[in-house]
């Protein structure tokens, strides 16, 4: 994830949206979390960060949240307004049931977005 994507996601979450970021590997989750926390315009809106292995997330004062998952962890049972696929993840999700799971996570949102990089 680049700093511009991190800024956009932080601004959306700070406005109250629920976001799931999907990375290629579990190791990349910590990098994404660090980038989100480092966004200068949104750092004052952060209520809590969670850095537990496999459970990285940023909660904002507005009620918005960014949950960071690796492709292997999936999104089953989660819902979001935005799902952001980090670099190269869309190739891993190319199987039909992979897209179905992502769409199911977006189904409850009236303004759902699936963002691919």
PDB file of N, CA and C in Angstrom:
ATOM      1  N   UNK A   1       0.851  -1.170   0.000  1.00  0.00           N
ATOM      2  CA  UNK A   1       0.000   0.000   0.000  1.00  0.00           C
ATOM      3  C   UNK A   1       0.897   1.232   0.000  1.00  0.00           C
ATOM      4  N   UNK A   2       0.510   2.212  -0.795  1.00  0.00           N
ATOM      5  CA  UNK A   2       1.282   3.445  -0.791  1.00  0.00           C
ATOM      6  C   UNK A   2       0.631   4.475   0.135  1.00  0.00           C
ATOM      7  N   UNK A   3       1.312   5.580   0.354  1.00  0.00           N
ATOM      8  CA  UNK A   3       0.831   6.572   1.316  1.00  0.00           C
ATOM      9  C   UNK A   3      -0.460   7.246   0.865  1.00  0.00           C
ATOM     10  N   UNK A   4      -0.696   7.315  -0.434  1.00  0.00           N
ATOM     11  CA  UNK A   4      -1.918   7.932  -0.934  1.00  0.00           C
ATOM     12  C   UNK A   4      -3.129   7.043  -0.667  1.00  0.00           C
ATOM     13  N   UNK A   5      -2.945   5.740  -0.837  1.00  0.00           N
ATOM     14  CA  UNK A   5      -4.019   4.794  -0.512  1.00  0.00           C
ATOM     15  C   UNK A   5      -4.285   4.820   0.986  1.00  0.00           C
ATOM     16  N   UNK A   6      -3.226   4.863   1.785  1.00  0.00           N
ATOM     17  CA  UNK A   6      -3.385   4.917   3.245  1.00  0.00           C
ATOM     18  C   UNK A   6      -4.140   6.173   3.656  1.00  0.00           C
ATOM     19  N   UNK A   7      -3.828   7.301   3.046  1.00  0.00           N
ATOM     20  CA  UNK A   7      -4.521   8.553   3.353  1.00  0.00           C
ATOM     21  C   UNK A   7      -6.004   8.448   3.015  1.00  0.00           C
ATOM     22  N   UNK A   8      -6.314   7.939   1.830  1.00  0.00           N
ATOM     23  CA  UNK A   8      -7.713   7.798   1.422  1.00  0.00           C
ATOM     24  C   UNK A   8      -8.503   6.886   2.342  1.00  0.00           C
ATOM     25  N   UNK A   9      -7.914   5.761   2.727  1.00  0.00           N
ATOM     26  CA  UNK A   9      -8.599   4.831   3.623  1.00  0.00           C
ATOM     27  C   UNK A   9      -8.782   5.436   5.018  1.00  0.00           C
ATOM     28  N   UNK A  10      -7.767   6.139   5.502  1.00  0.00           N
ATOM     29  CA  UNK A  10      -7.865   6.765   6.829  1.00  0.00           C
ATOM     30  C   UNK A  10      -8.958   7.829   6.842  1.00  0.00           C
ATOM     31  N   UNK A  11      -9.057   8.604   5.777  1.00  0.00           N
ATOM     32  CA  UNK A  11     -10.088   9.645   5.702  1.00  0.00           C
ATOM     33  C   UNK A  11     -11.478   9.021   5.671  1.00  0.00           C
ATOM     34  N   UNK A  12     -11.648   7.951   4.892  1.00  0.00           N
ATOM     35  CA  UNK A  12     -12.948   7.263   4.821  1.00  0.00           C
ATOM     36  C   UNK A  12     -13.321   6.665   6.182  1.00  0.00           C
ATOM     37  N   UNK A  13     -12.361   6.036   6.840  1.00  0.00           N
ATOM     38  CA  UNK A  13     -12.635   5.444   8.153  1.00  0.00           C
ATOM     39  C   UNK A  13     -12.920   6.524   9.189  1.00  0.00           C
ATOM     40  N   UNK A  14     -12.204   7.635   9.105  1.00  0.00           N
ATOM     41  CA  UNK A  14     -12.430   8.733  10.045  1.00  0.00           C
ATOM     42  C   UNK A  14     -13.812   9.353   9.853  1.00  0.00           C
ATOM     43  N   UNK A  15     -14.411   9.144   8.677  1.00  0.00           N
ATOM     44  CA  UNK A  15     -15.761   9.651   8.432  1.00  0.00           C
ATOM     45  C   UNK A  15     -16.833   8.645   8.863  1.00  0.00           C
ATOM     46  N   UNK A  16     -16.393   7.509   9.426  1.00  0.00           N
ATOM     47  CA  UNK A  16     -17.347   6.550   9.979  1.00  0.00           C
ATOM     48  C   UNK A  16     -17.530   5.270   9.197  1.00  0.00           C
ATOM     49  N   UNK A  17     -16.779   5.084   8.125  1.00  0.00           N
ATOM     50  CA  UNK A  17     -16.952   3.873   7.319  1.00  0.00           C
ATOM     51  C   UNK A  17     -16.151   2.699   7.882  1.00  0.00           C
ATOM     52  N   UNK A  18     -16.673   1.522   7.603  1.00  0.00           N
ATOM     53  CA  UNK A  18     -16.017   0.277   7.986  1.00  0.00           C
ATOM     54  C   UNK A  18     -15.262  -0.249   6.767  1.00  0.00           C
ATOM     55  N   UNK A  19     -13.969  -0.529   6.949  1.00  0.00           N
ATOM     56  CA  UNK A  19     -13.106  -0.906   5.834  1.00  0.00           C
ATOM     57  C   UNK A  19     -12.356  -2.191   6.181  1.00  0.00           C
ATOM     58  N   UNK A  20     -12.233  -3.055   5.195  1.00  0.00           N
ATOM     59  CA  UNK A  20     -11.380  -4.238   5.310  1.00  0.00           C
ATOM     60  C   UNK A  20     -10.285  -4.102   4.261  1.00  0.00           C
ATOM     61  N   UNK A  21      -9.034  -4.175   4.698  1.00  0.00           N
ATOM     62  CA  UNK A  21      -7.892  -4.185   3.789  1.00  0.00           C
ATOM     63  C   UNK A  21      -7.396  -5.619   3.711  1.00  0.00           C
ATOM     64  N   UNK A  22      -7.250  -6.125   2.499  1.00  0.00           N
ATOM     65  CA  UNK A  22      -6.756  -7.489   2.319  1.00  0.00           C
ATOM     66  C   UNK A  22      -5.383  -7.434   1.670  1.00  0.00           C
ATOM     67  N   UNK A  23      -4.405  -8.032   2.356  1.00  0.00           N
ATOM     68  CA  UNK A  23      -3.025  -8.060   1.870  1.00  0.00           C
ATOM     69  C   UNK A  23      -2.707  -9.455   1.335  1.00  0.00           C
ATOM     70  N   UNK A  24      -1.554  -9.577   0.701  1.00  0.00           N
ATOM     71  CA  UNK A  24      -1.137 -10.887   0.164  1.00  0.00           C
ATOM     72  C   UNK A  24      -0.740 -11.842   1.285  1.00  0.00           C
ATOM     73  N   UNK A  25      -0.006 -11.327   2.275  1.00  0.00           N
ATOM     74  CA  UNK A  25       0.508 -12.194   3.346  1.00  0.00           C
ATOM     75  C   UNK A  25       0.267 -11.562   4.705  1.00  0.00           C
ATOM     76  N   UNK A  26       0.295 -12.380   5.718  1.00  0.00           N
ATOM     77  CA  UNK A  26       0.115 -11.921   7.096  1.00  0.00           C
ATOM     78  C   UNK A  26       1.203 -10.926   7.502  1.00  0.00           C
ATOM     79  N   UNK A  27       2.403 -11.095   6.977  1.00  0.00           N
ATOM     80  CA  UNK A  27       3.511 -10.193   7.316  1.00  0.00           C
ATOM     81  C   UNK A  27       3.256  -8.766   6.843  1.00  0.00           C
ATOM     82  N   UNK A  28       2.520  -8.604   5.757  1.00  0.00           N
ATOM     83  CA  UNK A  28       2.249  -7.264   5.236  1.00  0.00           C
ATOM     84  C   UNK A  28       1.236  -6.500   6.091  1.00  0.00           C
ATOM     85  N   UNK A  29       0.488  -7.202   6.909  1.00  0.00           N
ATOM     86  CA  UNK A  29      -0.525  -6.539   7.735  1.00  0.00           C
ATOM     87  C   UNK A  29       0.074  -5.481   8.653  1.00  0.00           C
ATOM     88  N   UNK A  30       1.194  -5.779   9.263  1.00  0.00           N
ATOM     89  CA  UNK A  30       1.838  -4.820  10.170  1.00  0.00           C
ATOM     90  C   UNK A  30       2.290  -3.574   9.418  1.00  0.00           C
ATOM     91  N   UNK A  31       2.780  -3.743   8.191  1.00  0.00           N
ATOM     92  CA  UNK A  31       3.202  -2.598   7.386  1.00  0.00           C
ATOM     93  C   UNK A  31       2.020  -1.691   7.065  1.00  0.00           C
ATOM     94  N   UNK A  32       0.894  -2.297   6.708  1.00  0.00           N
ATOM     95  CA  UNK A  32      -0.305  -1.522   6.397  1.00  0.00           C
ATOM     96  C   UNK A  32      -0.779  -0.765   7.636  1.00  0.00           C
ATOM     97  N   UNK A  33      -0.763  -1.428   8.785  1.00  0.00           N
ATOM     98  CA  UNK A  33      -1.168  -0.772  10.024  1.00  0.00           C
ATOM     99  C   UNK A  33      -0.273   0.433  10.319  1.00  0.00           C
ATOM    100  N   UNK A  34       1.031   0.261  10.154  1.00  0.00           N
ATOM    101  CA  UNK A  34       1.962   1.359  10.396  1.00  0.00           C
ATOM    102  C   UNK A  34       1.689   2.536   9.465  1.00  0.00           C
ATOM    103  N   UNK A  35       1.369   2.253   8.216  1.00  0.00           N
ATOM    104  CA  UNK A  35       1.071   3.325   7.260  1.00  0.00           C
ATOM    105  C   UNK A  35      -0.205   4.068   7.639  1.00  0.00           C
ATOM    106  N   UNK A  36      -1.222   3.344   8.077  1.00  0.00           N
ATOM    107  CA  UNK A  36      -2.477   3.986   8.469  1.00  0.00           C
ATOM    108  C   UNK A  36      -2.293   4.872   9.699  1.00  0.00           C
ATOM    109  N   UNK A  37      -1.528   4.399  10.671  1.00  0.00           N
ATOM    110  CA  UNK A  37      -1.305   5.158  11.900  1.00  0.00           C
ATOM    111  C   UNK A  37      -0.454   6.400  11.616  1.00  0.00           C
ATOM    112  N   UNK A  38       0.397   6.338  10.595  1.00  0.00           N
ATOM    113  CA  UNK A  38       1.293   7.442  10.276  1.00  0.00           C
ATOM    114  C   UNK A  38       0.642   8.550   9.447  1.00  0.00           C
ATOM    115  N   UNK A  39      -0.589   8.374   9.009  1.00  0.00           N
ATOM    116  CA  UNK A  39      -1.264   9.407   8.211  1.00  0.00           C
ATOM    117  C   UNK A  39      -1.455  10.643   9.088  1.00  0.00           C
ATOM    118  N   UNK A  40      -0.805  11.766   8.732  1.00  0.00           N
ATOM    119  CA  UNK A  40      -0.839  12.931   9.614  1.00  0.00           C
ATOM    120  C   UNK A  40      -2.226  13.557   9.772  1.00  0.00           C
ATOM    121  N   UNK A  41      -3.016  13.598   8.733  1.00  0.00           N
ATOM    122  CA  UNK A  41      -4.316  14.268   8.801  1.00  0.00           C
ATOM    123  C   UNK A  41      -5.359  13.488   9.593  1.00  0.00           C
ATOM    124  N   UNK A  42      -5.159  12.203   9.788  1.00  0.00           N
ATOM    125  CA  UNK A  42      -6.163  11.390  10.462  1.00  0.00           C
ATOM    126  C   UNK A  42      -5.692  10.817  11.791  1.00  0.00           C
ATOM    127  N   UNK A  43      -4.434  11.015  12.144  1.00  0.00           N
ATOM    128  CA  UNK A  43      -3.907  10.401  13.365  1.00  0.00           C
ATOM    129  C   UNK A  43      -4.599  10.916  14.628  1.00  0.00           C
ATOM    130  N   UNK A  44      -5.081  12.145  14.618  1.00  0.00           N
ATOM    131  CA  UNK A  44      -5.762  12.685  15.799  1.00  0.00           C
ATOM    132  C   UNK A  44      -7.163  12.095  15.972  1.00  0.00           C
ATOM    133  N   UNK A  45      -7.654  11.388  14.967  1.00  0.00           N
ATOM    134  CA  UNK A  45      -8.992  10.775  15.013  1.00  0.00           C
ATOM    135  C   UNK A  45      -8.965   9.328  15.479  1.00  0.00           C
ATOM    136  N   UNK A  46      -7.782   8.781  15.736  1.00  0.00           N
ATOM    137  CA  UNK A  46      -7.654   7.371  16.096  1.00  0.00           C
ATOM    138  C   UNK A  46      -8.023   7.166  17.563  1.00  0.00           C
ATOM    139  N   UNK A  47      -8.923   6.231  17.805  1.00  0.00           N
ATOM    140  CA  UNK A  47      -9.316   5.888  19.172  1.00  0.00           C
ATOM    141  C   UNK A  47      -8.464   4.749  19.715  1.00  0.00           C
ATOM    142  N   UNK A  48      -8.195   3.747  18.846  1.00  0.00           N
ATOM    143  CA  UNK A  48      -7.464   2.561  19.330  1.00  0.00           C
ATOM    144  C   UNK A  48      -6.837   1.841  18.144  1.00  0.00           C
ATOM    145  N   UNK A  49      -5.651   1.294  18.355  1.00  0.00           N
ATOM    146  CA  UNK A  49      -5.033   0.410  17.369  1.00  0.00           C
ATOM    147  C   UNK A  49      -4.838  -0.954  18.011  1.00  0.00           C
ATOM    148  N   UNK A  50      -5.039  -1.969  17.220  1.00  0.00           N
ATOM    149  CA  UNK A  50      -4.842  -3.336  17.699  1.00  0.00           C
ATOM    150  C   UNK A  50      -3.750  -3.965  16.856  1.00  0.00           C
ATOM    151  N   UNK A  51      -2.728  -4.483  17.525  1.00  0.00           N
ATOM    152  CA  UNK A  51      -1.579  -5.055  16.829  1.00  0.00           C
ATOM    153  C   UNK A  51      -1.407  -6.546  17.101  1.00  0.00           C
ATOM    154  N   UNK A  52      -2.427  -7.198  17.616  1.00  0.00           N
ATOM    155  CA  UNK A  52      -2.319  -8.635  17.884  1.00  0.00           C
ATOM    156  C   UNK A  52      -2.077  -9.381  16.581  1.00  0.00           C
ATOM    157  N   UNK A  53      -1.309 -10.441  16.646  1.00  0.00           N
ATOM    158  CA  UNK A  53      -0.974 -11.214  15.453  1.00  0.00           C
ATOM    159  C   UNK A  53      -2.244 -11.713  14.761  1.00  0.00           C
ATOM    160  N   UNK A  54      -2.440 -11.254  13.547  1.00  0.00           N
ATOM    161  CA  UNK A  54      -3.606 -11.682  12.783  1.00  0.00           C
ATOM    162  C   UNK A  54      -4.857 -10.871  13.051  1.00  0.00           C
ATOM    163  N   UNK A  55      -4.807  -9.921  13.968  1.00  0.00           N
ATOM    164  CA  UNK A  55      -5.981  -9.113  14.329  1.00  0.00           C
ATOM    165  C   UNK A  55      -5.654  -7.625  14.287  1.00  0.00           C
ATOM    166  N   UNK A  56      -4.926  -7.186  13.282  1.00  0.00           N
ATOM    167  CA  UNK A  56      -4.564  -5.780  13.193  1.00  0.00           C
ATOM    168  C   UNK A  56      -5.777  -4.945  12.788  1.00  0.00           C
ATOM    169  N   UNK A  57      -5.966  -3.824  13.487  1.00  0.00           N
ATOM    170  CA  UNK A  57      -7.059  -2.924  13.138  1.00  0.00           C
ATOM    171  C   UNK A  57      -6.806  -1.542  13.724  1.00  0.00           C
ATOM    172  N   UNK A  58      -7.508  -0.567  13.155  1.00  0.00           N
ATOM    173  CA  UNK A  58      -7.483   0.802  13.648  1.00  0.00           C
ATOM    174  C   UNK A  58      -8.936   1.226  13.830  1.00  0.00           C
ATOM    175  N   UNK A  59      -9.278   1.658  15.036  1.00  0.00           N
ATOM    176  CA  UNK A  59     -10.618   2.169  15.324  1.00  0.00           C
ATOM    177  C   UNK A  59     -10.537   3.684  15.435  1.00  0.00           C
ATOM    178  N   UNK A  60     -11.506   4.361  14.837  1.00  0.00           N
ATOM    179  CA  UNK A  60     -11.538   5.821  14.826  1.00  0.00           C
ATOM    180  C   UNK A  60     -12.623   6.342  15.760  1.00  0.00           C
ATOM    181  N   UNK A  61     -12.474   7.561  16.227  1.00  0.00           N
ATOM    182  CA  UNK A  61     -13.424   8.174  17.151  1.00  0.00           C
ATOM    183  C   UNK A  61     -14.822   8.266  16.550  1.00  0.00           C
ATOM    184  N   UNK A  62     -14.919   8.332  15.239  1.00  0.00           N
ATOM    185  CA  UNK A  62     -16.205   8.448  14.554  1.00  0.00           C
ATOM    186  C   UNK A  62     -16.985   7.134  14.534  1.00  0.00           C
ATOM    187  N   UNK A  63     -16.351   6.056  14.944  1.00  0.00           N
ATOM    188  CA  UNK A  63     -16.968   4.735  14.856  1.00  0.00           C
ATOM    189  C   UNK A  63     -16.489   3.947  13.653  1.00  0.00           C
ATOM    190  N   UNK A  64     -15.764   4.598  12.773  1.00  0.00           N
ATOM    191  CA  UNK A  64     -15.186   3.910  11.617  1.00  0.00           C
ATOM    192  C   UNK A  64     -14.057   2.995  12.048  1.00  0.00           C
ATOM    193  N   UNK A  65     -13.776   2.024  11.213  1.00  0.00           N
ATOM    194  CA  UNK A  65     -12.712   1.076  11.537  1.00  0.00           C
ATOM    195  C   UNK A  65     -12.046   0.565  10.274  1.00  0.00           C
ATOM    196  N   UNK A  66     -10.771   0.227  10.389  1.00  0.00           N
ATOM    197  CA  UNK A  66     -10.036  -0.442   9.322  1.00  0.00           C
ATOM    198  C   UNK A  66      -9.531  -1.750   9.902  1.00  0.00           C
ATOM    199  N   UNK A  67     -10.005  -2.853   9.358  1.00  0.00           N
ATOM    200  CA  UNK A  67      -9.512  -4.173   9.762  1.00  0.00           C
ATOM    201  C   UNK A  67      -8.600  -4.683   8.661  1.00  0.00           C
ATOM    202  N   UNK A  68      -7.457  -5.209   9.050  1.00  0.00           N
ATOM    203  CA  UNK A  68      -6.450  -5.648   8.093  1.00  0.00           C
ATOM    204  C   UNK A  68      -6.350  -7.161   8.156  1.00  0.00           C
ATOM    205  N   UNK A  69      -6.566  -7.792   7.012  1.00  0.00           N
ATOM    206  CA  UNK A  69      -6.570  -9.252   6.922  1.00  0.00           C
ATOM    207  C   UNK A  69      -5.677  -9.682   5.770  1.00  0.00           C
ATOM    208  N   UNK A  70      -5.049 -10.831   5.905  1.00  0.00           N
ATOM    209  CA  UNK A  70      -4.312 -11.384   4.770  1.00  0.00           C
ATOM    210  C   UNK A  70      -5.287 -12.181   3.919  1.00  0.00           C
ATOM    211  N   UNK A  71      -4.885 -12.450   2.709  1.00  0.00           N
ATOM    212  CA  UNK A  71      -5.743 -13.212   1.798  1.00  0.00           C
ATOM    213  C   UNK A  71      -6.136 -14.551   2.407  1.00  0.00           C
ATOM    214  N   UNK A  72      -5.204 -15.203   3.088  1.00  0.00           N
ATOM    215  CA  UNK A  72      -5.473 -16.501   3.704  1.00  0.00           C
ATOM    216  C   UNK A  72      -6.480 -16.447   4.844  1.00  0.00           C
ATOM    217  N   UNK A  73      -6.593 -15.299   5.505  1.00  0.00           N
ATOM    218  CA  UNK A  73      -7.548 -15.162   6.606  1.00  0.00           C
ATOM    219  C   UNK A  73      -8.972 -14.979   6.099  1.00  0.00           C
ATOM    220  N   UNK A  74      -9.124 -14.374   4.944  1.00  0.00           N
ATOM    221  CA  UNK A  74     -10.448 -14.173   4.366  1.00  0.00           C
ATOM    222  C   UNK A  74     -11.305 -13.166   5.111  1.00  0.00           C
ATOM    223  N   UNK A  75     -12.558 -13.034   4.666  1.00  0.00           N
ATOM    224  CA  UNK A  75     -13.484 -12.064   5.249  1.00  0.00           C
ATOM    225  C   UNK A  75     -14.780 -12.712   5.703  1.00  0.00           C
ATOM    226  N   UNK A  76     -14.789 -14.000   5.812  1.00  0.00           N
ATOM    227  CA  UNK A  76     -16.023 -14.699   6.178  1.00  0.00           C
ATOM    228  C   UNK A  76     -16.574 -14.179   7.511  1.00  0.00           C
ATOM    229  N   UNK A  77     -17.875 -13.854   7.519  1.00  0.00           N
ATOM    230  CA  UNK A  77     -18.529 -13.368   8.717  1.00  0.00           C
ATOM    231  C   UNK A  77     -18.301 -11.896   9.015  1.00  0.00           C
ATOM    232  N   UNK A  78     -17.596 -11.187   8.140  1.00  0.00           N
ATOM    233  CA  UNK A  78     -17.319  -9.768   8.343  1.00  0.00           C
ATOM    234  C   UNK A  78     -18.133  -8.952   7.348  1.00  0.00           C
ATOM    235  N   UNK A  79     -18.472  -7.734   7.744  1.00  0.00           N
ATOM    236  CA  UNK A  79     -19.129  -6.830   6.798  1.00  0.00           C
ATOM    237  C   UNK A  79     -18.370  -5.513   6.772  1.00  0.00           C
ATOM    238  N   UNK A  80     -18.480  -4.814   5.639  1.00  0.00           N
ATOM    239  CA  UNK A  80     -17.747  -3.566   5.475  1.00  0.00           C
ATOM    240  C   UNK A  80     -18.431  -2.693   4.436  1.00  0.00           C
ATOM    241  N   UNK A  81     -18.076  -1.415   4.473  1.00  0.00           N
ATOM    242  CA  UNK A  81     -18.502  -0.482   3.437  1.00  0.00           C
ATOM    243  C   UNK A  81     -17.529  -0.510   2.263  1.00  0.00           C
ATOM    244  N   UNK A  82     -16.255  -0.723   2.585  1.00  0.00           N
ATOM    245  CA  UNK A  82     -15.205  -0.738   1.567  1.00  0.00           C
ATOM    246  C   UNK A  82     -14.298  -1.933   1.814  1.00  0.00           C
ATOM    247  N   UNK A  83     -13.991  -2.656   0.738  1.00  0.00           N
ATOM    248  CA  UNK A  83     -12.934  -3.670   0.794  1.00  0.00           C
ATOM    249  C   UNK A  83     -11.843  -3.204  -0.144  1.00  0.00           C
ATOM    250  N   UNK A  84     -10.628  -3.086   0.383  1.00  0.00           N
ATOM    251  CA  UNK A  84      -9.476  -2.632  -0.382  1.00  0.00           C
ATOM    252  C   UNK A  84      -8.544  -3.817  -0.594  1.00  0.00           C
ATOM    253  N   UNK A  85      -8.324  -4.180  -1.850  1.00  0.00           N
ATOM    254  CA  UNK A  85      -7.407  -5.267  -2.181  1.00  0.00           C
ATOM    255  C   UNK A  85      -6.039  -4.668  -2.471  1.00  0.00           C
ATOM    256  N   UNK A  86      -5.073  -4.982  -1.638  1.00  0.00           N
ATOM    257  CA  UNK A  86      -3.721  -4.460  -1.812  1.00  0.00           C
ATOM    258  C   UNK A  86      -3.093  -5.061  -3.070  1.00  0.00           C
ATOM    259  N   UNK A  87      -1.926  -4.567  -3.436  1.00  0.00           N
ATOM    260  CA  UNK A  87      -1.250  -4.992  -4.663  1.00  0.00           C
ATOM    261  C   UNK A  87      -1.181  -6.509  -4.801  1.00  0.00           C
ATOM    262  N   UNK A  88      -1.641  -7.018  -5.927  1.00  0.00           N
ATOM    263  CA  UNK A  88      -1.531  -8.433  -6.246  1.00  0.00           C
ATOM    264  C   UNK A  88      -2.576  -9.340  -5.641  1.00  0.00           C
ATOM    265  N   UNK A  89      -3.427  -8.835  -4.784  1.00  0.00           N
ATOM    266  CA  UNK A  89      -4.415  -9.688  -4.122  1.00  0.00           C
ATOM    267  C   UNK A  89      -5.518 -10.114  -5.087  1.00  0.00           C
ATOM    268  N   UNK A  90      -5.875  -9.253  -6.040  1.00  0.00           N
ATOM    269  CA  UNK A  90      -6.957  -9.613  -6.953  1.00  0.00           C
ATOM    270  C   UNK A  90      -6.634 -10.870  -7.754  1.00  0.00           C
ATOM    271  N   UNK A  91      -5.363 -11.143  -8.004  1.00  0.00           N
ATOM    272  CA  UNK A  91      -4.964 -12.379  -8.689  1.00  0.00           C
ATOM    273  C   UNK A  91      -5.211 -13.603  -7.817  1.00  0.00           C
ATOM    274  N   UNK A  92      -5.073 -13.442  -6.501  1.00  0.00           N
ATOM    275  CA  UNK A  92      -5.287 -14.555  -5.585  1.00  0.00           C
ATOM    276  C   UNK A  92      -6.769 -14.849  -5.376  1.00  0.00           C
ATOM    277  N   UNK A  93      -7.612 -13.855  -5.633  1.00  0.00           N
ATOM    278  CA  UNK A  93      -9.044 -13.992  -5.387  1.00  0.00           C
ATOM    279  C   UNK A  93      -9.768 -14.401  -6.675  1.00  0.00           C
ATOM    280  N   UNK A  94      -9.043 -14.802  -7.683  1.00  0.00           N
ATOM    281  CA  UNK A  94      -9.634 -15.046  -8.997  1.00  0.00           C
ATOM    282  C   UNK A  94     -10.580 -16.239  -9.058  1.00  0.00           C
ATOM    283  N   UNK A  95     -10.582 -17.091  -8.055  1.00  0.00           N
ATOM    284  CA  UNK A  95     -11.515 -18.223  -8.064  1.00  0.00           C
ATOM    285  C   UNK A  95     -12.920 -17.704  -7.769  1.00  0.00           C
ATOM    286  N   UNK A  96     -13.958 -18.302  -8.338  1.00  0.00           N
ATOM    287  CA  UNK A  96     -15.321 -17.774  -8.182  1.00  0.00           C
ATOM    288  C   UNK A  96     -15.788 -17.615  -6.737  1.00  0.00           C
ATOM    289  N   UNK A  97     -15.499 -18.573  -5.879  1.00  0.00           N
ATOM    290  CA  UNK A  97     -15.972 -18.448  -4.505  1.00  0.00           C
ATOM    291  C   UNK A  97     -15.249 -17.328  -3.756  1.00  0.00           C
ATOM    292  N   UNK A  98     -14.064 -16.955  -4.197  1.00  0.00           N
ATOM    293  CA  UNK A  98     -13.346 -15.846  -3.579  1.00  0.00           C
ATOM    294  C   UNK A  98     -14.076 -14.533  -3.770  1.00  0.00           C
ATOM    295  N   UNK A  99     -14.547 -14.285  -4.971  1.00  0.00           N
ATOM    296  CA  UNK A  99     -15.316 -13.060  -5.243  1.00  0.00           C
ATOM    297  C   UNK A  99     -16.651 -13.101  -4.529  1.00  0.00           C
ATOM    298  N   UNK A 100     -17.256 -14.276  -4.433  1.00  0.00           N
ATOM    299  CA  UNK A 100     -18.545 -14.397  -3.747  1.00  0.00           C
ATOM    300  C   UNK A 100     -18.413 -14.028  -2.270  1.00  0.00           C
ATOM    301  N   UNK A 101     -17.331 -14.434  -1.628  1.00  0.00           N
ATOM    302  CA  UNK A 101     -17.111 -14.097  -0.218  1.00  0.00           C
ATOM    303  C   UNK A 101     -16.932 -12.589  -0.038  1.00  0.00           C
ATOM    304  N   UNK A 102     -16.191 -11.962  -0.954  1.00  0.00           N
ATOM    305  CA  UNK A 102     -16.001 -10.514  -0.855  1.00  0.00           C
ATOM    306  C   UNK A 102     -17.322  -9.782  -1.054  1.00  0.00           C
ATOM    307  N   UNK A 103     -18.098 -10.210  -2.032  1.00  0.00           N
ATOM    308  CA  UNK A 103     -19.403  -9.579  -2.272  1.00  0.00           C
ATOM    309  C   UNK A 103     -20.339  -9.759  -1.079  1.00  0.00           C
ATOM    310  N   UNK A 104     -20.275 -10.900  -0.424  1.00  0.00           N
ATOM    311  CA  UNK A 104     -21.113 -11.139   0.757  1.00  0.00           C
ATOM    312  C   UNK A 104     -20.741 -10.174   1.884  1.00  0.00           C
ATOM    313  N   UNK A 105     -19.457  -9.856   2.007  1.00  0.00           N
ATOM    314  CA  UNK A 105     -19.017  -8.928   3.050  1.00  0.00           C
ATOM    315  C   UNK A 105     -19.482  -7.499   2.786  1.00  0.00           C
ATOM    316  N   UNK A 106     -19.773  -7.191   1.524  1.00  0.00           N
ATOM    317  CA  UNK A 106     -20.231  -5.854   1.154  1.00  0.00           C
ATOM    318  C   UNK A 106     -21.747  -5.737   1.056  1.00  0.00           C
ATOM    319  N   UNK A 107     -22.438  -6.851   1.112  1.00  0.00           N
ATOM    320  CA  UNK A 107     -23.875  -6.883   0.819  1.00  0.00           C
ATOM    321  C   UNK A 107     -24.723  -5.996   1.725  1.00  0.00           C
ATOM    322  N   UNK A 108     -24.348  -5.814   2.958  1.00  0.00           N
ATOM    323  CA  UNK A 108     -25.168  -5.056   3.908  1.00  0.00           C
ATOM    324  C   UNK A 108     -24.971  -3.547   3.804  1.00  0.00           C
ATOM    325  N   UNK A 109     -23.967  -3.109   3.066  1.00  0.00           N
ATOM    326  CA  UNK A 109     -23.669  -1.680   3.000  1.00  0.00           C
ATOM    327  C   UNK A 109     -24.448  -1.002   1.871  1.00  0.00           C
ATOM    328  N   UNK A 110     -25.104   0.129   2.172  1.00  0.00           N
ATOM    329  CA  UNK A 110     -25.807   0.855   1.122  1.00  0.00           C
ATOM    330  C   UNK A 110     -24.858   1.579   0.156  1.00  0.00           C
ATOM    331  N   UNK A 111     -23.600   1.751   0.543  1.00  0.00           N
ATOM    332  CA  UNK A 111     -22.612   2.412  -0.328  1.00  0.00           C
ATOM    333  C   UNK A 111     -21.335   1.578  -0.401  1.00  0.00           C
ATOM    334  N   UNK A 112     -21.490   0.320  -0.785  1.00  0.00           N
ATOM    335  CA  UNK A 112     -20.375  -0.623  -0.830  1.00  0.00           C
ATOM    336  C   UNK A 112     -19.426  -0.304  -1.980  1.00  0.00           C
ATOM    337  N   UNK A 113     -18.145  -0.508  -1.712  1.00  0.00           N
ATOM    338  CA  UNK A 113     -17.109  -0.323  -2.733  1.00  0.00           C
ATOM    339  C   UNK A 113     -16.079  -1.435  -2.608  1.00  0.00           C
ATOM    340  N   UNK A 114     -15.644  -1.942  -3.741  1.00  0.00           N
ATOM    341  CA  UNK A 114     -14.538  -2.895  -3.799  1.00  0.00           C
ATOM    342  C   UNK A 114     -13.433  -2.194  -4.591  1.00  0.00           C
ATOM    343  N   UNK A 115     -12.308  -1.928  -3.940  1.00  0.00           N
ATOM    344  CA  UNK A 115     -11.220  -1.179  -4.549  1.00  0.00           C
ATOM    345  C   UNK A 115     -10.057  -2.123  -4.810  1.00  0.00           C
ATOM    346  N   UNK A 116      -9.638  -2.166  -6.071  1.00  0.00           N
ATOM    347  CA  UNK A 116      -8.494  -3.005  -6.464  1.00  0.00           C
ATOM    348  C   UNK A 116      -7.349  -2.102  -6.890  1.00  0.00           C
ATOM    349  N   UNK A 117      -6.137  -2.479  -6.490  1.00  0.00           N
ATOM    350  CA  UNK A 117      -4.966  -1.678  -6.907  1.00  0.00           C
ATOM    351  C   UNK A 117      -4.158  -2.420  -7.924  1.00  0.00           C
TER     352      UNK A 117
END
